[in-house]
């Protein structure tokens, strides 16, 4: 058996004058050892070869080929939040995937865990891609990447000054100046 997207190699140990291979998914070849690259489930089935030797004698045989599907699934959504965004990322395997190993990729220097979930804090604002490599019980591997799975909003920085400074009985009225920074859409709530 081979996994989807792998190469399926059909081979004969003995050389002959000619070869006629046929198989699923309209496969044909005249090579002694044909290879089918990037196979899919449609390549599963029985392959036949008819050979002719130098004397004109003909022989044929068949061989089964099984193409195992790759493990699959989806990432659970992660609600966007302000930094730091600390959450548990969850991968939801597709039914029948029989996943036996998980390897998370959250970026350089972040250790992986062999589990369908991983807890992590994203401290900086931005949009983060998340990848996971899966291995199933038939040793088929697949890496799935979700671009922009995690969105971390920038935190605003509240800052102000006032004038005159200090406020005195001679100048009891003061003007406040907003010097807050951060995301463009800000809501101000002054409390006196």
C-alpha atoms as a PDB file:
ATOM      1  CA  UNK A   1       0.000   0.000   0.000  1.00  0.00           C
ATOM      2  CA  UNK A   2       0.973   3.616  -0.602  1.00  0.00           C
ATOM      3  CA  UNK A   3      -0.442   6.914   0.635  1.00  0.00           C
ATOM      4  CA  UNK A   4      -2.264   9.484  -1.467  1.00  0.00           C
ATOM      5  CA  UNK A   5       0.087  11.947  -3.186  1.00  0.00           C
ATOM      6  CA  UNK A   6       2.944   9.392  -3.060  1.00  0.00           C
ATOM      7  CA  UNK A   7       4.363   7.551  -6.065  1.00  0.00           C
ATOM      8  CA  UNK A   8       3.055   4.099  -6.962  1.00  0.00           C
ATOM      9  CA  UNK A   9       5.788   1.945  -8.491  1.00  0.00           C
ATOM     10  CA  UNK A  10       4.794  -1.102 -10.546  1.00  0.00           C
ATOM     11  CA  UNK A  11       7.665  -3.401 -11.374  1.00  0.00           C
ATOM     12  CA  UNK A  12       8.674  -6.635 -13.044  1.00  0.00           C
ATOM     13  CA  UNK A  13      11.929  -8.295 -12.089  1.00  0.00           C
ATOM     14  CA  UNK A  14      12.545  -9.879 -15.489  1.00  0.00           C
ATOM     15  CA  UNK A  15      13.095  -7.942 -18.741  1.00  0.00           C
ATOM     16  CA  UNK A  16      10.882  -8.677 -21.772  1.00  0.00           C
ATOM     17  CA  UNK A  17      10.645  -7.366 -25.336  1.00  0.00           C
ATOM     18  CA  UNK A  18       7.442  -5.405 -24.654  1.00  0.00           C
ATOM     19  CA  UNK A  19       5.034  -4.466 -21.849  1.00  0.00           C
ATOM     20  CA  UNK A  20       1.424  -3.339 -21.822  1.00  0.00           C
ATOM     21  CA  UNK A  21       0.221  -2.147 -18.418  1.00  0.00           C
ATOM     22  CA  UNK A  22      -3.397  -1.170 -17.710  1.00  0.00           C
ATOM     23  CA  UNK A  23      -5.129  -0.200 -14.508  1.00  0.00           C
ATOM     24  CA  UNK A  24      -7.611   1.985 -12.686  1.00  0.00           C
ATOM     25  CA  UNK A  25      -8.170   5.627 -13.564  1.00  0.00           C
ATOM     26  CA  UNK A  26      -7.386   4.917 -17.283  1.00  0.00           C
ATOM     27  CA  UNK A  27      -3.766   4.040 -16.508  1.00  0.00           C
ATOM     28  CA  UNK A  28      -1.644   2.653 -19.371  1.00  0.00           C
ATOM     29  CA  UNK A  29       2.111   2.255 -19.782  1.00  0.00           C
ATOM     30  CA  UNK A  30       4.624   0.417 -21.959  1.00  0.00           C
ATOM     31  CA  UNK A  31       7.494   0.629 -19.436  1.00  0.00           C
ATOM     32  CA  UNK A  32       8.951  -2.322 -17.554  1.00  0.00           C
ATOM     33  CA  UNK A  33       8.674  -0.514 -14.211  1.00  0.00           C
ATOM     34  CA  UNK A  34       6.183   2.350 -14.545  1.00  0.00           C
ATOM     35  CA  UNK A  35       5.694   4.867 -11.782  1.00  0.00           C
ATOM     36  CA  UNK A  36       2.520   6.853 -11.163  1.00  0.00           C
ATOM     37  CA  UNK A  37       3.270  10.097  -9.347  1.00  0.00           C
ATOM     38  CA  UNK A  38       0.896  11.822  -6.947  1.00  0.00           C
ATOM     39  CA  UNK A  39      -1.626   8.988  -6.768  1.00  0.00           C
ATOM     40  CA  UNK A  40      -5.152   9.454  -5.447  1.00  0.00           C
ATOM     41  CA  UNK A  41      -7.753   7.029  -4.144  1.00  0.00           C
ATOM     42  CA  UNK A  42      -8.864   6.601  -7.772  1.00  0.00           C
ATOM     43  CA  UNK A  43      -5.605   4.687  -8.356  1.00  0.00           C
ATOM     44  CA  UNK A  44      -6.683   1.894  -6.001  1.00  0.00           C
ATOM     45  CA  UNK A  45      -7.481  -1.381  -7.795  1.00  0.00           C
ATOM     46  CA  UNK A  46      -5.997  -4.140  -9.907  1.00  0.00           C
ATOM     47  CA  UNK A  47      -3.189  -3.477 -12.375  1.00  0.00           C
ATOM     48  CA  UNK A  48      -2.584  -5.868 -15.263  1.00  0.00           C
ATOM     49  CA  UNK A  49       0.512  -6.332 -17.387  1.00  0.00           C
ATOM     50  CA  UNK A  50       0.879  -8.307 -20.575  1.00  0.00           C
ATOM     51  CA  UNK A  51       4.437  -9.077 -21.625  1.00  0.00           C
ATOM     52  CA  UNK A  52       5.908 -10.410 -24.842  1.00  0.00           C
ATOM     53  CA  UNK A  53       9.312 -12.064 -24.913  1.00  0.00           C
ATOM     54  CA  UNK A  54      11.826 -12.137 -27.794  1.00  0.00           C
ATOM     55  CA  UNK A  55      10.222 -15.335 -29.141  1.00  0.00           C
ATOM     56  CA  UNK A  56       6.767 -13.749 -29.413  1.00  0.00           C
ATOM     57  CA  UNK A  57       5.407 -15.657 -26.425  1.00  0.00           C
ATOM     58  CA  UNK A  58       2.875 -13.740 -24.341  1.00  0.00           C
ATOM     59  CA  UNK A  59       2.221 -13.855 -20.617  1.00  0.00           C
ATOM     60  CA  UNK A  60       0.175 -11.748 -18.230  1.00  0.00           C
ATOM     61  CA  UNK A  61      -0.307 -11.171 -14.537  1.00  0.00           C
ATOM     62  CA  UNK A  62      -2.146  -8.833 -12.181  1.00  0.00           C
ATOM     63  CA  UNK A  63      -1.299  -7.106  -8.943  1.00  0.00           C
ATOM     64  CA  UNK A  64      -3.501  -5.216  -6.499  1.00  0.00           C
ATOM     65  CA  UNK A  65      -2.637  -1.697  -5.383  1.00  0.00           C
ATOM     66  CA  UNK A  66      -4.094   0.076  -2.386  1.00  0.00           C
ATOM     67  CA  UNK A  67      -3.872   3.854  -2.019  1.00  0.00           C
ATOM     68  CA  UNK A  68      -4.574   4.935   1.551  1.00  0.00           C
ATOM     69  CA  UNK A  69      -6.189   8.342   2.086  1.00  0.00           C
ATOM     70  CA  UNK A  70      -4.214  11.008   3.896  1.00  0.00           C
ATOM     71  CA  UNK A  71      -5.273  11.980   7.405  1.00  0.00           C
ATOM     72  CA  UNK A  72      -7.468  15.058   7.346  1.00  0.00           C
ATOM     73  CA  UNK A  73      -9.394  17.464   9.527  1.00  0.00           C
ATOM     74  CA  UNK A  74      -9.843  21.127  10.379  1.00  0.00           C
ATOM     75  CA  UNK A  75      -8.732  23.627  12.975  1.00  0.00           C
ATOM     76  CA  UNK A  76     -11.329  24.877  15.440  1.00  0.00           C
ATOM     77  CA  UNK A  77     -11.844  28.643  15.078  1.00  0.00           C
ATOM     78  CA  UNK A  78      -9.890  30.907  17.424  1.00  0.00           C
ATOM     79  CA  UNK A  79     -11.703  34.113  18.429  1.00  0.00           C
ATOM     80  CA  UNK A  80      -9.653  37.258  17.790  1.00  0.00           C
ATOM     81  CA  UNK A  81      -8.567  39.034  20.979  1.00  0.00           C
ATOM     82  CA  UNK A  82      -6.168  41.683  22.239  1.00  0.00           C
ATOM     83  CA  UNK A  83      -2.602  40.758  23.165  1.00  0.00           C
ATOM     84  CA  UNK A  84      -1.689  38.604  24.866  1.00  0.00           C
ATOM     85  CA  UNK A  85      -4.009  36.040  23.318  1.00  0.00           C
ATOM     86  CA  UNK A  86      -3.707  32.867  25.402  1.00  0.00           C
ATOM     87  CA  UNK A  87      -5.836  30.033  24.118  1.00  0.00           C
ATOM     88  CA  UNK A  88      -5.952  26.328  23.384  1.00  0.00           C
ATOM     89  CA  UNK A  89      -5.733  25.575  19.674  1.00  0.00           C
ATOM     90  CA  UNK A  90      -7.676  22.469  18.679  1.00  0.00           C
ATOM     91  CA  UNK A  91      -7.427  20.262  15.591  1.00  0.00           C
ATOM     92  CA  UNK A  92     -10.578  18.281  14.762  1.00  0.00           C
ATOM     93  CA  UNK A  93      -9.700  15.062  12.882  1.00  0.00           C
ATOM     94  CA  UNK A  94     -11.955  13.901  10.078  1.00  0.00           C
ATOM     95  CA  UNK A  95     -13.874  10.739  10.948  1.00  0.00           C
ATOM     96  CA  UNK A  96     -11.849   7.645  10.055  1.00  0.00           C
ATOM     97  CA  UNK A  97      -8.478   9.432   9.933  1.00  0.00           C
ATOM     98  CA  UNK A  98      -6.996   7.242  12.729  1.00  0.00           C
ATOM     99  CA  UNK A  99      -4.362   9.827  13.608  1.00  0.00           C
ATOM    100  CA  UNK A 100      -1.602   8.470  15.853  1.00  0.00           C
ATOM    101  CA  UNK A 101       0.807  11.444  15.871  1.00  0.00           C
ATOM    102  CA  UNK A 102       0.462  15.231  15.809  1.00  0.00           C
ATOM    103  CA  UNK A 103       3.247  17.788  15.366  1.00  0.00           C
ATOM    104  CA  UNK A 104       2.265  21.450  15.753  1.00  0.00           C
ATOM    105  CA  UNK A 105       4.121  24.349  14.122  1.00  0.00           C
ATOM    106  CA  UNK A 106       3.318  27.706  15.723  1.00  0.00           C
ATOM    107  CA  UNK A 107       6.576  29.344  14.675  1.00  0.00           C
ATOM    108  CA  UNK A 108      10.304  29.238  15.465  1.00  0.00           C
ATOM    109  CA  UNK A 109      11.252  28.312  18.997  1.00  0.00           C
ATOM    110  CA  UNK A 110       7.782  27.140  20.027  1.00  0.00           C
ATOM    111  CA  UNK A 111       7.858  23.487  21.128  1.00  0.00           C
ATOM    112  CA  UNK A 112       5.323  21.060  19.678  1.00  0.00           C
ATOM    113  CA  UNK A 113       3.135  18.545  21.489  1.00  0.00           C
ATOM    114  CA  UNK A 114       1.863  15.177  20.267  1.00  0.00           C
ATOM    115  CA  UNK A 115      -1.791  15.947  20.866  1.00  0.00           C
ATOM    116  CA  UNK A 116      -4.850  17.225  19.005  1.00  0.00           C
ATOM    117  CA  UNK A 117      -4.652  20.452  21.019  1.00  0.00           C
ATOM    118  CA  UNK A 118      -1.946  22.848  22.184  1.00  0.00           C
ATOM    119  CA  UNK A 119      -2.050  25.783  24.586  1.00  0.00           C
ATOM    120  CA  UNK A 120      -0.067  28.867  23.684  1.00  0.00           C
ATOM    121  CA  UNK A 121       0.110  32.620  24.340  1.00  0.00           C
ATOM    122  CA  UNK A 122       0.568  34.911  21.340  1.00  0.00           C
ATOM    123  CA  UNK A 123       2.100  38.005  22.966  1.00  0.00           C
ATOM    124  CA  UNK A 124       2.538  40.282  19.970  1.00  0.00           C
ATOM    125  CA  UNK A 125      -0.245  41.689  17.844  1.00  0.00           C
ATOM    126  CA  UNK A 126      -0.616  40.368  14.299  1.00  0.00           C
ATOM    127  CA  UNK A 127      -2.055  37.532  12.243  1.00  0.00           C
ATOM    128  CA  UNK A 128      -0.558  34.071  12.762  1.00  0.00           C
ATOM    129  CA  UNK A 129      -0.525  30.994  10.530  1.00  0.00           C
ATOM    130  CA  UNK A 130      -0.708  27.593  12.208  1.00  0.00           C
ATOM    131  CA  UNK A 131       0.447  24.241  10.772  1.00  0.00           C
ATOM    132  CA  UNK A 132       0.085  20.698  11.983  1.00  0.00           C
ATOM    133  CA  UNK A 133       1.671  17.523  10.622  1.00  0.00           C
ATOM    134  CA  UNK A 134      -0.429  14.389  11.063  1.00  0.00           C
ATOM    135  CA  UNK A 135       0.518  10.723  10.849  1.00  0.00           C
ATOM    136  CA  UNK A 136      -2.146   8.025  10.747  1.00  0.00           C
ATOM    137  CA  UNK A 137      -2.064   4.352  11.690  1.00  0.00           C
ATOM    138  CA  UNK A 138      -0.962   3.454   8.126  1.00  0.00           C
ATOM    139  CA  UNK A 139       2.063   5.820   8.343  1.00  0.00           C
ATOM    140  CA  UNK A 140       0.536   8.326   5.939  1.00  0.00           C
ATOM    141  CA  UNK A 141       1.676  11.894   6.670  1.00  0.00           C
ATOM    142  CA  UNK A 142       0.080  15.204   5.847  1.00  0.00           C
ATOM    143  CA  UNK A 143       0.803  18.805   6.796  1.00  0.00           C
ATOM    144  CA  UNK A 144      -2.182  21.141   7.011  1.00  0.00           C
ATOM    145  CA  UNK A 145      -1.690  24.899   7.281  1.00  0.00           C
ATOM    146  CA  UNK A 146      -4.375  27.400   8.223  1.00  0.00           C
ATOM    147  CA  UNK A 147      -3.267  30.862   7.145  1.00  0.00           C
ATOM    148  CA  UNK A 148      -4.442  33.590   9.522  1.00  0.00           C
ATOM    149  CA  UNK A 149      -5.940  31.191  12.089  1.00  0.00           C
ATOM    150  CA  UNK A 150      -5.006  33.472  14.989  1.00  0.00           C
ATOM    151  CA  UNK A 151      -5.591  37.235  15.003  1.00  0.00           C
ATOM    152  CA  UNK A 152      -4.191  39.266  17.902  1.00  0.00           C
ATOM    153  CA  UNK A 153      -5.257  42.893  18.180  1.00  0.00           C
ATOM    154  CA  UNK A 154      -2.861  45.626  19.212  1.00  0.00           C
ATOM    155  CA  UNK A 155      -3.506  47.051  22.674  1.00  0.00           C
ATOM    156  CA  UNK A 156      -4.022  50.816  22.865  1.00  0.00           C
ATOM    157  CA  UNK A 157      -1.753  52.869  25.116  1.00  0.00           C
ATOM    158  CA  UNK A 158      -3.627  55.476  27.155  1.00  0.00           C
ATOM    159  CA  UNK A 159      -1.735  58.736  27.672  1.00  0.00           C
ATOM    160  CA  UNK A 160      -2.622  62.374  28.283  1.00  0.00           C
ATOM    161  CA  UNK A 161      -1.338  65.656  29.613  1.00  0.00           C
ATOM    162  CA  UNK A 162      -3.114  68.692  30.977  1.00  0.00           C
ATOM    163  CA  UNK A 163      -2.509  72.389  31.197  1.00  0.00           C
ATOM    164  CA  UNK A 164      -1.941  74.344  33.289  1.00  0.00           C
ATOM    165  CA  UNK A 165       0.153  72.054  35.370  1.00  0.00           C
ATOM    166  CA  UNK A 166      -0.217  72.296  38.290  1.00  0.00           C
ATOM    167  CA  UNK A 167      -3.813  73.438  38.610  1.00  0.00           C
ATOM    168  CA  UNK A 168      -4.112  76.258  41.140  1.00  0.00           C
ATOM    169  CA  UNK A 169      -6.854  78.374  42.680  1.00  0.00           C
ATOM    170  CA  UNK A 170      -5.737  81.122  40.346  1.00  0.00           C
ATOM    171  CA  UNK A 171      -6.078  78.856  37.281  1.00  0.00           C
ATOM    172  CA  UNK A 172      -8.813  76.366  38.243  1.00  0.00           C
ATOM    173  CA  UNK A 173      -9.735  75.449  34.642  1.00  0.00           C
ATOM    174  CA  UNK A 174      -7.625  72.848  32.909  1.00  0.00           C
ATOM    175  CA  UNK A 175      -7.471  71.489  29.355  1.00  0.00           C
ATOM    176  CA  UNK A 176      -6.707  67.815  28.799  1.00  0.00           C
ATOM    177  CA  UNK A 177      -4.786  66.627  25.725  1.00  0.00           C
ATOM    178  CA  UNK A 178      -5.064  63.063  24.476  1.00  0.00           C
ATOM    179  CA  UNK A 179      -1.773  61.427  23.466  1.00  0.00           C
ATOM    180  CA  UNK A 180      -3.092  57.858  23.378  1.00  0.00           C
ATOM    181  CA  UNK A 181      -1.686  55.586  20.700  1.00  0.00           C
ATOM    182  CA  UNK A 182      -2.442  52.224  19.209  1.00  0.00           C
ATOM    183  CA  UNK A 183      -5.205  50.986  16.921  1.00  0.00           C
ATOM    184  CA  UNK A 184      -6.857  53.617  14.743  1.00  0.00           C
ATOM    185  CA  UNK A 185     -10.373  52.952  16.006  1.00  0.00           C
ATOM    186  CA  UNK A 186     -10.231  54.145  19.613  1.00  0.00           C
ATOM    187  CA  UNK A 187     -12.970  54.856  22.106  1.00  0.00           C
ATOM    188  CA  UNK A 188     -12.194  57.443  24.763  1.00  0.00           C
ATOM    189  CA  UNK A 189     -13.851  57.317  28.141  1.00  0.00           C
ATOM    190  CA  UNK A 190     -12.701  60.176  30.329  1.00  0.00           C
ATOM    191  CA  UNK A 191     -13.426  59.763  34.036  1.00  0.00           C
ATOM    192  CA  UNK A 192     -13.009  62.809  36.316  1.00  0.00           C
END
